[in-house]
Amino acid sequence: MPRVVLVEDDPSVRDGVEMGLRRRGHEVLATATGEDGLAALDAFRPDLLLLDLMLPLMDGVEVCRRVRADSQLPIIMLTARGDDMDIVVGLEAGADDYVVKPARTEVIEARIRAVLRRIEAPAGVRPAVEHHGDLDIDRAGHTVLKSAKPVALAPSELKLLLFLSAAPGKVFSRQRLLEEVWDHSYHSDVRLVDACVRRLRIKIEDRSEDPRYIQTLRGFGYSFGPL
């Protein structure tokens, strides 16, 4: 079972989530502050970080930024405010997904599994690398090169790129992308998609404001390559 670092300053929430995940077989290291959470990443070597957005001193957004500076560890943010701009900031900082508190353990567990499925390499023969301009995509190896240099992508960024590039020129709605990339239902938050697209463009485009690879068709959605 995946190893999880949980960072949550509310003792009742922290104890409840930790207990629920442990009952499902996870190894969990729970901390109350962002500083302790960052230290736990080196000591515990988790498969995923479950991170409260509103923390004292160093908040969840800053923790997320620091993790993303040198790691593509999957991150799920916990927030008590489902419609707050803080969620957008957290997604822009590099979170792969978020869960609104209070949330049942089975909901958190489902999100964990969905995020981790995005980084599971498929079995079988490794196909040839796809070449798209200066972008090389190895689907089986889950690696991306830009101008022959590795591009570090978070799980949601990688799966979004793999999904869009599998059908160049085809426009996918945000809701379809939520279902395919995040395994979310129709009623989920399309801000997940928009934030992920912005992060992905920064990493693979020469100029994110004038994208070559990830195109927007206003009112419809996104596509890979020329429309």
Protein backbone atom coordinates (compact mmCIF):
# COMPACT_ATOMS: atom_id res chain seq x y z
CA MET A 1 0.00 0.00 0.00
CA PRO A 2 1.20 3.55 -0.69
CA ARG A 3 3.14 5.34 2.04
CA VAL A 4 1.61 8.71 2.93
CA VAL A 5 2.90 11.79 4.72
CA LEU A 6 -0.04 13.71 6.20
CA VAL A 7 0.39 17.37 7.18
CA GLU A 8 -2.63 18.68 9.12
CA ASP A 9 -2.63 21.06 12.08
CA ASP A 10 -6.12 20.19 13.37
CA PRO A 11 -5.58 17.27 15.78
CA SER A 12 -9.07 15.81 15.33
CA VAL A 13 -8.81 15.85 11.54
CA ARG A 14 -5.23 14.59 11.59
CA ASP A 15 -6.03 11.70 13.92
CA GLY A 16 -9.16 10.76 11.98
CA VAL A 17 -7.49 10.73 8.57
CA GLU A 18 -4.42 8.93 9.89
CA MET A 19 -6.50 6.25 11.58
CA GLY A 20 -8.72 5.78 8.54
CA LEU A 21 -5.77 5.37 6.15
CA ARG A 22 -3.97 3.01 8.51
CA ARG A 23 -7.07 0.81 8.68
CA ARG A 24 -6.87 0.54 4.91
CA GLY A 25 -3.30 -0.65 5.09
CA HIS A 26 -1.36 2.56 4.45
CA GLU A 27 1.80 3.46 6.27
CA VAL A 28 1.20 7.02 7.48
CA LEU A 29 3.51 9.60 9.02
CA ALA A 30 1.40 12.47 10.38
CA THR A 31 2.77 15.92 11.22
CA ALA A 32 1.19 19.21 12.32
CA THR A 33 3.39 21.81 10.61
CA GLY A 34 4.78 22.48 7.17
CA GLU A 35 8.33 22.42 8.46
CA ASP A 36 7.86 18.98 10.04
CA GLY A 37 6.14 17.77 6.90
CA LEU A 38 9.09 18.72 4.71
CA ALA A 39 11.48 16.98 7.10
CA ALA A 40 9.28 13.88 7.02
CA LEU A 41 9.60 13.61 3.24
CA ASP A 42 13.32 12.89 3.50
CA ALA A 43 13.00 10.56 6.48
CA PHE A 44 9.91 8.60 5.40
CA ARG A 45 10.22 8.56 1.57
CA PRO A 46 6.44 8.53 0.95
CA ASP A 47 4.56 7.74 -2.24
CA LEU A 48 2.23 10.71 -1.74
CA LEU A 49 1.86 13.90 0.31
CA LEU A 50 -1.54 14.73 1.82
CA LEU A 51 -1.25 18.40 2.66
CA ASP A 52 -3.56 20.79 4.54
CA LEU A 53 -3.87 24.13 2.77
CA MET A 54 -4.26 26.30 5.87
CA LEU A 55 -1.26 25.68 8.12
CA PRO A 56 0.34 28.01 10.70
CA LEU A 57 3.63 29.71 9.85
CA MET A 58 4.48 27.90 6.60
CA ASP A 59 1.19 27.29 4.81
CA GLY A 60 0.37 24.44 2.46
CA VAL A 61 0.97 26.52 -0.66
CA GLU A 62 4.54 27.28 0.40
CA VAL A 63 5.13 23.63 1.30
CA CYS A 64 3.83 22.64 -2.12
CA ARG A 65 6.15 25.11 -3.87
CA ARG A 66 9.17 23.83 -1.94
CA VAL A 67 8.37 20.22 -2.77
CA ARG A 68 7.90 21.05 -6.45
CA ALA A 69 11.25 22.84 -6.57
CA ASP A 70 13.04 19.48 -6.69
CA SER A 71 10.44 16.68 -6.61
CA GLN A 72 7.46 15.41 -8.58
CA LEU A 73 5.96 13.66 -5.55
CA PRO A 74 2.16 13.40 -5.93
CA ILE A 75 0.41 16.01 -3.77
CA ILE A 76 -3.22 16.13 -2.69
CA MET A 77 -4.28 19.26 -0.83
CA LEU A 78 -6.84 19.30 1.98
CA THR A 79 -8.97 22.42 2.25
CA ALA A 80 -12.02 23.48 4.24
CA ARG A 81 -13.07 25.96 1.56
CA GLY A 82 -14.23 24.36 -1.63
CA ASP A 83 -14.84 27.55 -3.61
CA ASP A 84 -11.97 29.70 -2.37
CA MET A 85 -9.25 31.23 -4.53
CA ASP A 86 -6.73 29.57 -2.21
CA ILE A 87 -7.50 26.33 -4.05
CA VAL A 88 -6.45 27.89 -7.34
CA VAL A 89 -3.23 29.14 -5.75
CA GLY A 90 -2.56 25.66 -4.41
CA LEU A 91 -3.12 24.08 -7.80
CA GLU A 92 -0.87 26.65 -9.44
CA ALA A 93 1.82 25.81 -6.88
CA GLY A 94 1.83 22.24 -8.16
CA ALA A 95 -0.81 20.20 -6.31
CA ASP A 96 -2.23 17.31 -8.34
CA ASP A 97 -5.65 17.30 -6.72
CA TYR A 98 -7.56 18.50 -3.67
CA VAL A 99 -10.19 17.24 -1.23
CA VAL A 100 -12.61 19.50 0.63
CA LYS A 101 -12.87 18.85 4.37
CA PRO A 102 -14.63 17.20 6.04
CA ALA A 103 -14.13 14.19 3.77
CA ARG A 104 -14.76 10.50 4.40
CA THR A 105 -11.70 8.28 4.39
CA GLU A 106 -13.01 6.36 1.37
CA VAL A 107 -13.10 9.62 -0.60
CA ILE A 108 -9.50 10.43 0.33
CA GLU A 109 -8.49 6.85 -0.46
CA ALA A 110 -10.13 7.06 -3.89
CA ARG A 111 -8.28 10.30 -4.68
CA ILE A 112 -4.98 8.77 -3.58
CA ARG A 113 -5.46 5.78 -5.86
CA ALA A 114 -6.53 8.00 -8.75
CA VAL A 115 -3.44 10.20 -8.44
CA LEU A 116 -1.08 7.23 -8.18
CA ARG A 117 -2.66 5.55 -11.21
CA ARG A 118 -1.43 8.49 -13.27
CA ILE A 119 2.19 7.50 -12.73
CA GLU A 120 1.87 3.75 -13.24
CA ALA A 121 3.80 2.78 -16.37
CA PRO A 122 1.93 0.28 -18.58
CA ALA A 123 3.31 -3.20 -19.04
CA GLY A 124 4.43 -4.59 -22.37
CA VAL A 125 6.83 -3.70 -25.12
CA ARG A 126 8.24 -0.20 -24.98
CA PRO A 127 7.15 1.66 -28.13
CA ALA A 128 9.20 4.10 -30.13
CA VAL A 129 9.40 7.63 -28.84
CA GLU A 130 6.90 10.05 -30.38
CA HIS A 131 8.45 13.20 -31.83
CA HIS A 132 6.43 16.43 -31.84
CA GLY A 133 8.72 19.25 -32.88
CA ASP A 134 11.30 19.60 -30.11
CA LEU A 135 9.12 17.54 -27.76
CA ASP A 136 9.79 13.79 -27.43
CA ILE A 137 7.22 11.66 -25.59
CA ASP A 138 7.92 8.10 -24.45
CA ARG A 139 4.54 6.71 -23.38
CA ALA A 140 5.73 3.45 -21.86
CA GLY A 141 8.70 5.00 -20.12
CA HIS A 142 6.63 7.97 -18.96
CA THR A 143 9.41 10.36 -19.92
CA VAL A 144 9.28 13.65 -21.81
CA LEU A 145 12.19 15.49 -23.39
CA LYS A 146 12.22 19.04 -24.68
CA SER A 147 15.18 19.87 -26.91
CA ALA A 148 16.75 16.60 -25.70
CA LYS A 149 16.50 17.65 -22.04
CA PRO A 150 14.27 15.83 -19.50
CA VAL A 151 11.11 17.64 -18.44
CA ALA A 152 10.02 17.00 -14.85
CA LEU A 153 6.24 16.64 -14.83
CA ALA A 154 3.94 16.09 -11.88
CA PRO A 155 1.62 13.05 -12.26
CA SER A 156 -1.40 15.06 -13.38
CA GLU A 157 0.70 17.07 -15.85
CA LEU A 158 2.16 13.92 -17.37
CA LYS A 159 -1.16 12.13 -17.73
CA LEU A 160 -2.79 15.21 -19.24
CA LEU A 161 0.00 15.48 -21.82
CA LEU A 162 -0.17 11.77 -22.63
CA PHE A 163 -3.93 11.89 -23.05
CA LEU A 164 -4.04 15.00 -25.24
CA SER A 165 -1.07 14.00 -27.40
CA ALA A 166 -2.64 10.60 -28.13
CA ALA A 167 -5.18 12.40 -30.33
CA PRO A 168 -3.49 15.44 -31.91
CA GLY A 169 -5.90 18.12 -33.07
CA LYS A 170 -8.90 16.67 -31.21
CA VAL A 171 -10.56 19.04 -28.76
CA PHE A 172 -11.50 17.64 -25.35
CA SER A 173 -13.83 19.40 -22.96
CA ARG A 174 -12.68 20.16 -19.43
CA GLN A 175 -15.25 17.73 -18.06
CA ARG A 176 -13.94 14.95 -20.33
CA LEU A 177 -10.40 15.66 -19.16
CA LEU A 178 -11.53 15.54 -15.52
CA GLU A 179 -12.97 12.08 -16.14
CA GLU A 180 -9.98 10.76 -18.10
CA VAL A 181 -7.07 12.33 -16.21
CA TRP A 182 -8.39 12.86 -12.68
CA ASP A 183 -11.04 10.08 -12.58
CA HIS A 184 -13.50 12.68 -11.33
CA SER A 185 -17.24 12.85 -11.85
CA TYR A 186 -19.11 15.35 -14.00
CA HIS A 187 -19.63 17.71 -11.05
CA SER A 188 -15.94 18.12 -10.21
CA ASP A 189 -13.97 21.35 -10.38
CA VAL A 190 -12.68 22.33 -13.84
CA ARG A 191 -10.07 24.56 -12.16
CA LEU A 192 -8.02 21.39 -11.80
CA VAL A 193 -7.75 21.24 -15.57
CA ASP A 194 -7.03 24.92 -16.15
CA ALA A 195 -4.32 25.06 -13.48
CA CYS A 196 -2.67 21.91 -14.79
CA VAL A 197 -2.67 23.27 -18.35
CA ARG A 198 -0.99 26.48 -17.19
CA ARG A 199 1.72 24.54 -15.34
CA LEU A 200 2.24 22.20 -18.28
CA ARG A 201 2.59 25.07 -20.73
CA ILE A 202 5.27 26.68 -18.60
CA LYS A 203 7.29 23.46 -18.79
CA ILE A 204 6.89 22.43 -22.45
CA GLU A 205 6.21 25.63 -24.39
CA ASP A 206 8.79 28.16 -25.53
CA ARG A 207 6.29 30.86 -24.67
CA SER A 208 3.39 29.81 -22.47
CA GLU A 209 1.36 32.85 -23.53
CA ASP A 210 1.64 31.75 -27.19
CA PRO A 211 1.43 27.95 -26.94
CA ARG A 212 2.47 25.61 -29.71
CA TYR A 213 1.46 22.29 -28.16
CA ILE A 214 -1.49 22.79 -25.79
CA GLN A 215 -4.14 24.80 -27.60
CA THR A 216 -7.31 26.37 -26.17
CA LEU A 217 -10.59 26.46 -28.05
CA ARG A 218 -12.61 28.95 -26.01
CA GLY A 219 -15.92 27.60 -24.82
CA PHE A 220 -14.95 24.02 -25.71
CA GLY A 221 -11.69 22.87 -24.16
CA TYR A 222 -8.11 21.90 -25.03
CA SER A 223 -6.24 20.05 -27.75
CA PHE A 224 -2.71 18.99 -28.56
CA GLY A 225 -1.18 20.64 -31.61
CA PRO A 226 -2.80 22.88 -34.23
CA LEU A 227 -6.57 23.03 -34.25
